[in-house]
Amino acid sequence: MPMTPTASDIKSKISAPPKKVISWKQVPQVVGTISTLDGLKFLSDCPKGIDLMEIRLDILLSKGVSPDRIQEALAGRTAPVLLTLRTREEGGAFNWRSRQRVLFFLKFIPFADAVDLELINIPRLGRVLRAVRRLKRDLVISSHSLKRKLTPLRLRRILLQFRKTRAHVYKVVGLARRRRDLRVLAEPLLNQSHMRLAIMASGPLASASRLSLPALGSRLIYVYLDEPTAPGQPSHKTVFSVGDLRSLFTPKGA
């Protein structure tokens, strides 16, 4: 495991390009994740059908990809980019010191068109949120429950917390082992459609959620362009047969 990088490792003086417009009214948006050095090539050659590319900065840095190389690739992007920099508790690759994480955000926000911030960390990311507002970048606020299923009560509390911070999309990821877990995740899409929600599952029904919940109004579909960044995440080249769909929607032990 490489040493945790610091913002002082960034030596380049590359100018950030103008912000690209994201068509949030188009639902769903297909988000292609990039998490490898080789995957950076997609920034200058965005695959057909991808609306938004997500740079998983935490994973790239954990693999030893230099910050300068990432900024250089971002400067030549041909499609809008979502910047994500997660801690391990959010499903990321590093246990970041808060100050270093903030400094990395501040260095990279000018090179992105939207930024993903975790709901529970919003109080610790005031400087980052102010930079997002000042630079007029779009905002996605996420809440991840990767190891514990979301009850209706917990989900309602998350939605109430979301309302405290204005964002373009509010994203929820919850563990789904059974169909009833998936039904809990689906409920806000039917009854809180005005909130611009993106909801998906982790666990055995992760793939099923990525196919079914967008039909109910979930705003984002995540696919990977190089390597999966989450269990159940399909490739942007994935093609499903009817038989595949049946197996995806039948959790083990159901």
C-alpha atoms as a PDB file:
ATOM      1  CA  MET A   1       0.000   0.000   0.000  1.00  0.00           C
ATOM      2  CA  PRO A   2       1.535   3.317  -1.003  1.00  0.00           C
ATOM      3  CA  MET A   3       1.919   6.073   1.555  1.00  0.00           C
ATOM      4  CA  THR A   4      -1.031   8.414   1.830  1.00  0.00           C
ATOM      5  CA  PRO A   5      -0.327  11.274  -0.603  1.00  0.00           C
ATOM      6  CA  THR A   6      -0.518  14.900   0.379  1.00  0.00           C
ATOM      7  CA  ALA A   7      -1.657  17.972  -1.503  1.00  0.00           C
ATOM      8  CA  SER A   8       1.938  19.187  -1.498  1.00  0.00           C
ATOM      9  CA  ASP A   9       2.730  16.341  -3.934  1.00  0.00           C
ATOM     10  CA  ILE A  10       0.984  18.349  -6.661  1.00  0.00           C
ATOM     11  CA  LYS A  11       3.682  20.215  -8.577  1.00  0.00           C
ATOM     12  CA  SER A  12       2.060  20.994 -11.917  1.00  0.00           C
ATOM     13  CA  LYS A  13       0.696  24.403 -12.885  1.00  0.00           C
ATOM     14  CA  ILE A  14      -1.981  23.128 -15.265  1.00  0.00           C
ATOM     15  CA  SER A  15      -4.851  25.543 -15.847  1.00  0.00           C
ATOM     16  CA  ALA A  16      -8.319  24.222 -15.108  1.00  0.00           C
ATOM     17  CA  PRO A  17     -10.671  24.224 -18.125  1.00  0.00           C
ATOM     18  CA  PRO A  18     -14.103  25.916 -18.124  1.00  0.00           C
ATOM     19  CA  LYS A  19     -16.937  24.115 -16.363  1.00  0.00           C
ATOM     20  CA  LYS A  20     -19.073  21.810 -18.505  1.00  0.00           C
ATOM     21  CA  VAL A  21     -22.846  21.852 -18.157  1.00  0.00           C
ATOM     22  CA  ILE A  22     -24.514  18.735 -16.730  1.00  0.00           C
ATOM     23  CA  SER A  23     -28.059  18.074 -17.985  1.00  0.00           C
ATOM     24  CA  TRP A  24     -29.606  17.092 -14.658  1.00  0.00           C
ATOM     25  CA  LYS A  25     -33.099  17.219 -16.178  1.00  0.00           C
ATOM     26  CA  GLN A  26     -32.206  14.141 -18.217  1.00  0.00           C
ATOM     27  CA  VAL A  27     -33.175  11.155 -16.070  1.00  0.00           C
ATOM     28  CA  PRO A  28     -31.404   8.890 -15.490  1.00  0.00           C
ATOM     29  CA  GLN A  29     -27.865  10.132 -15.940  1.00  0.00           C
ATOM     30  CA  VAL A  30     -25.403   7.326 -16.753  1.00  0.00           C
ATOM     31  CA  VAL A  31     -22.254   7.758 -14.661  1.00  0.00           C
ATOM     32  CA  GLY A  32     -19.075   5.993 -15.786  1.00  0.00           C
ATOM     33  CA  THR A  33     -16.535   5.485 -13.006  1.00  0.00           C
ATOM     34  CA  ILE A  34     -12.774   5.756 -13.532  1.00  0.00           C
ATOM     35  CA  SER A  35     -10.405   4.292 -10.935  1.00  0.00           C
ATOM     36  CA  THR A  36      -7.201   3.241 -12.772  1.00  0.00           C
ATOM     37  CA  LEU A  37      -4.340   4.917 -14.591  1.00  0.00           C
ATOM     38  CA  ASP A  38      -5.397   3.265 -17.840  1.00  0.00           C
ATOM     39  CA  GLY A  39      -8.956   4.439 -17.296  1.00  0.00           C
ATOM     40  CA  LEU A  40      -7.875   8.084 -17.439  1.00  0.00           C
ATOM     41  CA  LYS A  41      -7.826   7.727 -21.230  1.00  0.00           C
ATOM     42  CA  PHE A  42     -11.637   7.820 -21.192  1.00  0.00           C
ATOM     43  CA  LEU A  43     -11.539  11.447 -20.059  1.00  0.00           C
ATOM     44  CA  SER A  44     -10.417  12.480 -23.552  1.00  0.00           C
ATOM     45  CA  ASP A  45     -12.568   9.850 -25.311  1.00  0.00           C
ATOM     46  CA  CYS A  46     -15.836   9.450 -23.417  1.00  0.00           C
ATOM     47  CA  PRO A  47     -17.705   6.260 -24.443  1.00  0.00           C
ATOM     48  CA  LYS A  48     -21.056   6.654 -26.156  1.00  0.00           C
ATOM     49  CA  GLY A  49     -23.982   6.611 -23.764  1.00  0.00           C
ATOM     50  CA  ILE A  50     -22.048   7.999 -20.786  1.00  0.00           C
ATOM     51  CA  ASP A  51     -23.436  11.320 -19.525  1.00  0.00           C
ATOM     52  CA  LEU A  52     -21.053  11.917 -16.642  1.00  0.00           C
ATOM     53  CA  MET A  53     -17.664  10.441 -15.727  1.00  0.00           C
ATOM     54  CA  GLU A  54     -16.802   9.931 -12.058  1.00  0.00           C
ATOM     55  CA  ILE A  55     -13.163  10.285 -11.012  1.00  0.00           C
ATOM     56  CA  ARG A  56     -12.605   8.140  -7.914  1.00  0.00           C
ATOM     57  CA  LEU A  57      -9.683  10.210  -6.719  1.00  0.00           C
ATOM     58  CA  ASP A  58      -9.203   8.187  -3.525  1.00  0.00           C
ATOM     59  CA  ILE A  59      -8.793   4.913  -5.465  1.00  0.00           C
ATOM     60  CA  LEU A  60      -6.501   6.434  -8.084  1.00  0.00           C
ATOM     61  CA  LEU A  61      -4.230   7.866  -5.414  1.00  0.00           C
ATOM     62  CA  SER A  62      -4.241   4.579  -3.475  1.00  0.00           C
ATOM     63  CA  LYS A  63      -2.934   2.868  -6.621  1.00  0.00           C
ATOM     64  CA  GLY A  64      -0.037   5.283  -6.842  1.00  0.00           C
ATOM     65  CA  VAL A  65      -1.349   7.379  -9.748  1.00  0.00           C
ATOM     66  CA  SER A  66       0.280  10.792  -9.422  1.00  0.00           C
ATOM     67  CA  PRO A  67      -1.983  13.788  -8.681  1.00  0.00           C
ATOM     68  CA  ASP A  68      -0.280  15.700 -11.504  1.00  0.00           C
ATOM     69  CA  ARG A  69      -1.166  12.964 -14.004  1.00  0.00           C
ATOM     70  CA  ILE A  70      -4.791  13.018 -12.869  1.00  0.00           C
ATOM     71  CA  GLN A  71      -5.033  16.795 -13.207  1.00  0.00           C
ATOM     72  CA  GLU A  72      -3.465  16.648 -16.655  1.00  0.00           C
ATOM     73  CA  ALA A  73      -6.090  14.113 -17.774  1.00  0.00           C
ATOM     74  CA  LEU A  74      -8.917  16.141 -16.250  1.00  0.00           C
ATOM     75  CA  ALA A  75      -7.760  19.254 -18.092  1.00  0.00           C
ATOM     76  CA  GLY A  76      -8.432  17.456 -21.380  1.00  0.00           C
ATOM     77  CA  ARG A  77     -11.820  15.975 -20.499  1.00  0.00           C
ATOM     78  CA  THR A  78     -14.464  15.828 -23.242  1.00  0.00           C
ATOM     79  CA  ALA A  79     -17.489  15.228 -20.984  1.00  0.00           C
ATOM     80  CA  PRO A  80     -18.580  16.446 -17.532  1.00  0.00           C
ATOM     81  CA  VAL A  81     -16.761  14.968 -14.540  1.00  0.00           C
ATOM     82  CA  LEU A  82     -17.932  14.161 -11.006  1.00  0.00           C
ATOM     83  CA  LEU A  83     -15.160  14.309  -8.379  1.00  0.00           C
ATOM     84  CA  THR A  84     -15.335  11.776  -5.553  1.00  0.00           C
ATOM     85  CA  LEU A  85     -12.808  11.456  -2.727  1.00  0.00           C
ATOM     86  CA  ARG A  86     -14.014   8.937  -0.135  1.00  0.00           C
ATOM     87  CA  THR A  87     -12.733   7.770   3.233  1.00  0.00           C
ATOM     88  CA  ARG A  88     -12.750   4.070   4.110  1.00  0.00           C
ATOM     89  CA  GLU A  89     -15.907   4.461   6.182  1.00  0.00           C
ATOM     90  CA  GLU A  90     -17.597   5.706   2.984  1.00  0.00           C
ATOM     91  CA  GLY A  91     -16.303   2.755   0.937  1.00  0.00           C
ATOM     92  CA  GLY A  92     -13.136   4.575  -0.124  1.00  0.00           C
ATOM     93  CA  ALA A  93      -9.460   3.675  -0.222  1.00  0.00           C
ATOM     94  CA  PHE A  94      -7.843   5.791   2.512  1.00  0.00           C
ATOM     95  CA  ASN A  95      -8.240   6.797   6.136  1.00  0.00           C
ATOM     96  CA  TRP A  96      -7.693  10.448   5.282  1.00  0.00           C
ATOM     97  CA  ARG A  97      -6.652  13.021   7.788  1.00  0.00           C
ATOM     98  CA  SER A  98      -9.380  15.637   7.562  1.00  0.00           C
ATOM     99  CA  ARG A  99      -7.032  18.485   6.672  1.00  0.00           C
ATOM    100  CA  GLN A 100      -5.277  16.591   3.874  1.00  0.00           C
ATOM    101  CA  ARG A 101      -8.575  15.477   2.398  1.00  0.00           C
ATOM    102  CA  VAL A 102      -9.849  19.049   2.387  1.00  0.00           C
ATOM    103  CA  LEU A 103      -6.662  20.286   0.696  1.00  0.00           C
ATOM    104  CA  PHE A 104      -6.972  17.626  -2.009  1.00  0.00           C
ATOM    105  CA  PHE A 105     -10.574  18.621  -2.620  1.00  0.00           C
ATOM    106  CA  LEU A 106      -9.593  22.264  -2.962  1.00  0.00           C
ATOM    107  CA  LYS A 107      -6.847  21.388  -5.477  1.00  0.00           C
ATOM    108  CA  PHE A 108      -9.154  19.299  -7.671  1.00  0.00           C
ATOM    109  CA  ILE A 109     -12.539  21.042  -7.521  1.00  0.00           C
ATOM    110  CA  PRO A 110     -11.550  23.515 -10.301  1.00  0.00           C
ATOM    111  CA  PHE A 111     -10.926  20.532 -12.605  1.00  0.00           C
ATOM    112  CA  ALA A 112     -14.357  18.970 -11.999  1.00  0.00           C
ATOM    113  CA  ASP A 113     -17.904  19.916 -12.937  1.00  0.00           C
ATOM    114  CA  ALA A 114     -19.609  18.330  -9.931  1.00  0.00           C
ATOM    115  CA  VAL A 115     -18.485  17.129  -6.508  1.00  0.00           C
ATOM    116  CA  ASP A 116     -19.790  14.231  -4.393  1.00  0.00           C
ATOM    117  CA  LEU A 117     -19.759  14.818  -0.613  1.00  0.00           C
ATOM    118  CA  GLU A 118     -20.808  12.341   2.063  1.00  0.00           C
ATOM    119  CA  LEU A 119     -23.707  13.524   4.225  1.00  0.00           C
ATOM    120  CA  ILE A 120     -22.128  12.595   7.564  1.00  0.00           C
ATOM    121  CA  ASN A 121     -18.972  14.536   6.692  1.00  0.00           C
ATOM    122  CA  ILE A 122     -20.646  17.779   5.593  1.00  0.00           C
ATOM    123  CA  PRO A 123     -19.916  19.461   8.994  1.00  0.00           C
ATOM    124  CA  ARG A 124     -16.183  18.712   8.526  1.00  0.00           C
ATOM    125  CA  LEU A 125     -16.083  19.888   4.910  1.00  0.00           C
ATOM    126  CA  GLY A 126     -17.208  23.485   5.276  1.00  0.00           C
ATOM    127  CA  ARG A 127     -14.254  24.840   3.268  1.00  0.00           C
ATOM    128  CA  VAL A 128     -14.967  22.318   0.519  1.00  0.00           C
ATOM    129  CA  LEU A 129     -18.663  23.189   0.371  1.00  0.00           C
ATOM    130  CA  ARG A 130     -17.859  26.899   0.215  1.00  0.00           C
ATOM    131  CA  ALA A 131     -15.424  26.248  -2.646  1.00  0.00           C
ATOM    132  CA  VAL A 132     -18.076  24.264  -4.514  1.00  0.00           C
ATOM    133  CA  ARG A 133     -20.485  27.202  -4.167  1.00  0.00           C
ATOM    134  CA  ARG A 134     -17.888  29.842  -5.030  1.00  0.00           C
ATOM    135  CA  LEU A 135     -16.699  28.023  -8.162  1.00  0.00           C
ATOM    136  CA  LYS A 136     -20.315  27.236  -9.129  1.00  0.00           C
ATOM    137  CA  ARG A 137     -19.775  23.487  -9.297  1.00  0.00           C
ATOM    138  CA  ASP A 138     -22.728  21.123  -9.052  1.00  0.00           C
ATOM    139  CA  LEU A 139     -23.185  19.107  -5.867  1.00  0.00           C
ATOM    140  CA  VAL A 140     -24.163  15.509  -5.143  1.00  0.00           C
ATOM    141  CA  ILE A 141     -24.697  14.613  -1.482  1.00  0.00           C
ATOM    142  CA  SER A 142     -24.404  10.911  -0.663  1.00  0.00           C
ATOM    143  CA  SER A 143     -25.332   8.658   2.233  1.00  0.00           C
ATOM    144  CA  HIS A 144     -23.901   5.126   2.328  1.00  0.00           C
ATOM    145  CA  SER A 145     -25.116   2.270   4.509  1.00  0.00           C
ATOM    146  CA  LEU A 146     -23.023  -0.569   3.075  1.00  0.00           C
ATOM    147  CA  LYS A 147     -23.149  -3.062   5.960  1.00  0.00           C
ATOM    148  CA  ARG A 148     -26.494  -2.270   7.561  1.00  0.00           C
ATOM    149  CA  LYS A 149     -29.877  -2.232   5.877  1.00  0.00           C
ATOM    150  CA  LEU A 150     -31.934   0.928   5.953  1.00  0.00           C
ATOM    151  CA  THR A 151     -35.209   0.773   7.857  1.00  0.00           C
ATOM    152  CA  PRO A 152     -38.001   3.145   6.801  1.00  0.00           C
ATOM    153  CA  LEU A 153     -37.243   5.270   9.887  1.00  0.00           C
ATOM    154  CA  ARG A 154     -33.504   5.549   9.156  1.00  0.00           C
ATOM    155  CA  LEU A 155     -34.253   6.409   5.547  1.00  0.00           C
ATOM    156  CA  ARG A 156     -36.679   9.167   6.560  1.00  0.00           C
ATOM    157  CA  ARG A 157     -34.028  10.629   8.865  1.00  0.00           C
ATOM    158  CA  ILE A 158     -31.512  10.677   6.008  1.00  0.00           C
ATOM    159  CA  LEU A 159     -33.993  12.506   3.784  1.00  0.00           C
ATOM    160  CA  LEU A 160     -34.549  15.101   6.514  1.00  0.00           C
ATOM    161  CA  GLN A 161     -30.787  15.616   6.798  1.00  0.00           C
ATOM    162  CA  PHE A 162     -30.513  16.011   3.024  1.00  0.00           C
ATOM    163  CA  ARG A 163     -32.903  18.946   3.093  1.00  0.00           C
ATOM    164  CA  LYS A 164     -30.464  20.995   5.171  1.00  0.00           C
ATOM    165  CA  THR A 165     -27.985  21.362   2.287  1.00  0.00           C
ATOM    166  CA  ARG A 166     -28.978  22.391  -1.227  1.00  0.00           C
ATOM    167  CA  ALA A 167     -27.726  19.966  -3.889  1.00  0.00           C
ATOM    168  CA  HIS A 168     -28.454  18.933  -7.466  1.00  0.00           C
ATOM    169  CA  VAL A 169     -28.891  15.239  -6.546  1.00  0.00           C
ATOM    170  CA  TYR A 170     -29.216  13.344  -3.260  1.00  0.00           C
ATOM    171  CA  LYS A 171     -27.786   9.823  -3.404  1.00  0.00           C
ATOM    172  CA  VAL A 172     -28.597   6.916  -1.070  1.00  0.00           C
ATOM    173  CA  VAL A 173     -26.871   3.521  -1.064  1.00  0.00           C
ATOM    174  CA  GLY A 174     -28.334   0.921   1.291  1.00  0.00           C
ATOM    175  CA  LEU A 175     -27.731  -2.774   1.926  1.00  0.00           C
ATOM    176  CA  ALA A 176     -30.376  -5.005   0.301  1.00  0.00           C
ATOM    177  CA  ARG A 177     -30.329  -8.742   1.055  1.00  0.00           C
ATOM    178  CA  ARG A 178     -34.024  -9.371   0.417  1.00  0.00           C
ATOM    179  CA  ARG A 179     -36.711  -7.922  -1.831  1.00  0.00           C
ATOM    180  CA  ARG A 180     -38.302  -6.179   1.142  1.00  0.00           C
ATOM    181  CA  ASP A 181     -35.048  -4.229   1.603  1.00  0.00           C
ATOM    182  CA  LEU A 182     -35.294  -3.123  -2.008  1.00  0.00           C
ATOM    183  CA  ARG A 183     -38.910  -2.043  -1.474  1.00  0.00           C
ATOM    184  CA  VAL A 184     -37.825   0.189   1.420  1.00  0.00           C
ATOM    185  CA  LEU A 185     -35.247   1.854  -0.832  1.00  0.00           C
ATOM    186  CA  ALA A 186     -37.808   2.308  -3.606  1.00  0.00           C
ATOM    187  CA  GLU A 187     -40.441   4.024  -1.450  1.00  0.00           C
ATOM    188  CA  PRO A 188     -38.925   7.560  -1.494  1.00  0.00           C
ATOM    189  CA  LEU A 189     -38.713   7.467  -5.289  1.00  0.00           C
ATOM    190  CA  LEU A 190     -42.484   7.106  -5.367  1.00  0.00           C
ATOM    191  CA  ASN A 191     -43.379   9.520  -2.566  1.00  0.00           C
ATOM    192  CA  GLN A 192     -40.516  12.056  -2.562  1.00  0.00           C
ATOM    193  CA  SER A 193     -39.883  12.451  -6.285  1.00  0.00           C
ATOM    194  CA  HIS A 194     -39.422  16.222  -5.910  1.00  0.00           C
ATOM    195  CA  MET A 195     -36.168  15.632  -3.999  1.00  0.00           C
ATOM    196  CA  ARG A 196     -34.061  14.552  -7.034  1.00  0.00           C
ATOM    197  CA  LEU A 197     -33.021  11.244  -5.504  1.00  0.00           C
ATOM    198  CA  ALA A 198     -30.541   8.670  -6.765  1.00  0.00           C
ATOM    199  CA  ILE A 199     -31.059   5.420  -4.876  1.00  0.00           C
ATOM    200  CA  MET A 200     -29.269   2.087  -5.259  1.00  0.00           C
ATOM    201  CA  ALA A 201     -28.440  -0.989  -3.211  1.00  0.00           C
ATOM    202  CA  SER A 202     -25.306  -2.699  -2.027  1.00  0.00           C
ATOM    203  CA  GLY A 203     -25.260  -6.424  -1.239  1.00  0.00           C
ATOM    204  CA  PRO A 204     -26.975  -9.337  -3.041  1.00  0.00           C
ATOM    205  CA  LEU A 205     -29.510  -7.105  -4.822  1.00  0.00           C
ATOM    206  CA  ALA A 206     -27.044  -4.419  -5.904  1.00  0.00           C
ATOM    207  CA  SER A 207     -27.264  -5.274  -9.603  1.00  0.00           C
ATOM    208  CA  ALA A 208     -31.050  -5.620  -9.452  1.00  0.00           C
ATOM    209  CA  SER A 209     -31.355  -2.150  -7.918  1.00  0.00           C
ATOM    210  CA  ARG A 210     -29.289  -0.589 -10.705  1.00  0.00           C
ATOM    211  CA  LEU A 211     -31.747  -1.979 -13.244  1.00  0.00           C
ATOM    212  CA  SER A 212     -35.051  -1.508 -11.430  1.00  0.00           C
ATOM    213  CA  LEU A 213     -34.838   1.732  -9.426  1.00  0.00           C
ATOM    214  CA  PRO A 214     -34.088   4.049 -12.386  1.00  0.00           C
ATOM    215  CA  ALA A 215     -37.458   2.971 -13.785  1.00  0.00           C
ATOM    216  CA  LEU A 216     -39.010   4.491 -10.643  1.00  0.00           C
ATOM    217  CA  GLY A 217     -37.109   7.748 -11.035  1.00  0.00           C
ATOM    218  CA  SER A 218     -33.665   7.167  -9.527  1.00  0.00           C
ATOM    219  CA  ARG A 219     -31.512   9.882 -11.080  1.00  0.00           C
ATOM    220  CA  LEU A 220     -28.184   8.076 -11.537  1.00  0.00           C
ATOM    221  CA  ILE A 221     -27.003   4.755 -12.970  1.00  0.00           C
ATOM    222  CA  TYR A 222     -23.387   3.889 -12.157  1.00  0.00           C
ATOM    223  CA  VAL A 223     -21.313   1.714 -14.487  1.00  0.00           C
ATOM    224  CA  TYR A 224     -17.547   1.277 -14.594  1.00  0.00           C
ATOM    225  CA  LEU A 225     -15.320   2.241 -17.493  1.00  0.00           C
ATOM    226  CA  ASP A 226     -12.206   0.372 -16.294  1.00  0.00           C
ATOM    227  CA  GLU A 227     -12.693  -1.582 -13.022  1.00  0.00           C
ATOM    228  CA  PRO A 228     -15.698  -1.916 -10.664  1.00  0.00           C
ATOM    229  CA  THR A 229     -15.657   0.522  -7.765  1.00  0.00           C
ATOM    230  CA  ALA A 230     -18.488  -1.267  -5.918  1.00  0.00           C
ATOM    231  CA  PRO A 231     -19.895  -4.831  -5.798  1.00  0.00           C
ATOM    232  CA  GLY A 232     -22.635  -5.366  -8.363  1.00  0.00           C
ATOM    233  CA  GLN A 233     -21.536  -2.460 -10.547  1.00  0.00           C
ATOM    234  CA  PRO A 234     -21.839  -3.428 -14.233  1.00  0.00           C
ATOM    235  CA  SER A 235     -19.467  -2.454 -17.024  1.00  0.00           C
ATOM    236  CA  HIS A 236     -20.568   0.188 -19.515  1.00  0.00           C
ATOM    237  CA  LYS A 237     -20.368  -2.655 -22.067  1.00  0.00           C
ATOM    238  CA  THR A 238     -22.640  -5.037 -20.134  1.00  0.00           C
ATOM    239  CA  VAL A 239     -25.526  -6.636 -22.052  1.00  0.00           C
ATOM    240  CA  PHE A 240     -28.189  -8.560 -20.104  1.00  0.00           C
ATOM    241  CA  SER A 241     -30.214 -11.516 -21.373  1.00  0.00           C
ATOM    242  CA  VAL A 242     -33.634 -12.470 -19.988  1.00  0.00           C
ATOM    243  CA  GLY A 243     -31.986 -15.309 -18.073  1.00  0.00           C
ATOM    244  CA  ASP A 244     -29.507 -12.904 -16.538  1.00  0.00           C
ATOM    245  CA  LEU A 245     -32.315 -10.661 -15.334  1.00  0.00           C
ATOM    246  CA  ARG A 246     -34.099 -13.546 -13.614  1.00  0.00           C
ATOM    247  CA  SER A 247     -30.993 -14.478 -11.643  1.00  0.00           C
ATOM    248  CA  LEU A 248     -30.237 -10.872 -10.706  1.00  0.00           C
ATOM    249  CA  PHE A 249     -33.725 -10.324  -9.286  1.00  0.00           C
ATOM    250  CA  THR A 250     -33.720 -13.570  -7.251  1.00  0.00           C
ATOM    251  CA  PRO A 251     -31.614 -13.139  -4.104  1.00  0.00           C
ATOM    252  CA  LYS A 252     -30.010 -16.262  -2.697  1.00  0.00           C
ATOM    253  CA  GLY A 253     -32.135 -17.883  -0.055  1.00  0.00           C
ATOM    254  CA  ALA A 254     -35.313 -16.139  -1.244  1.00  0.00           C
END
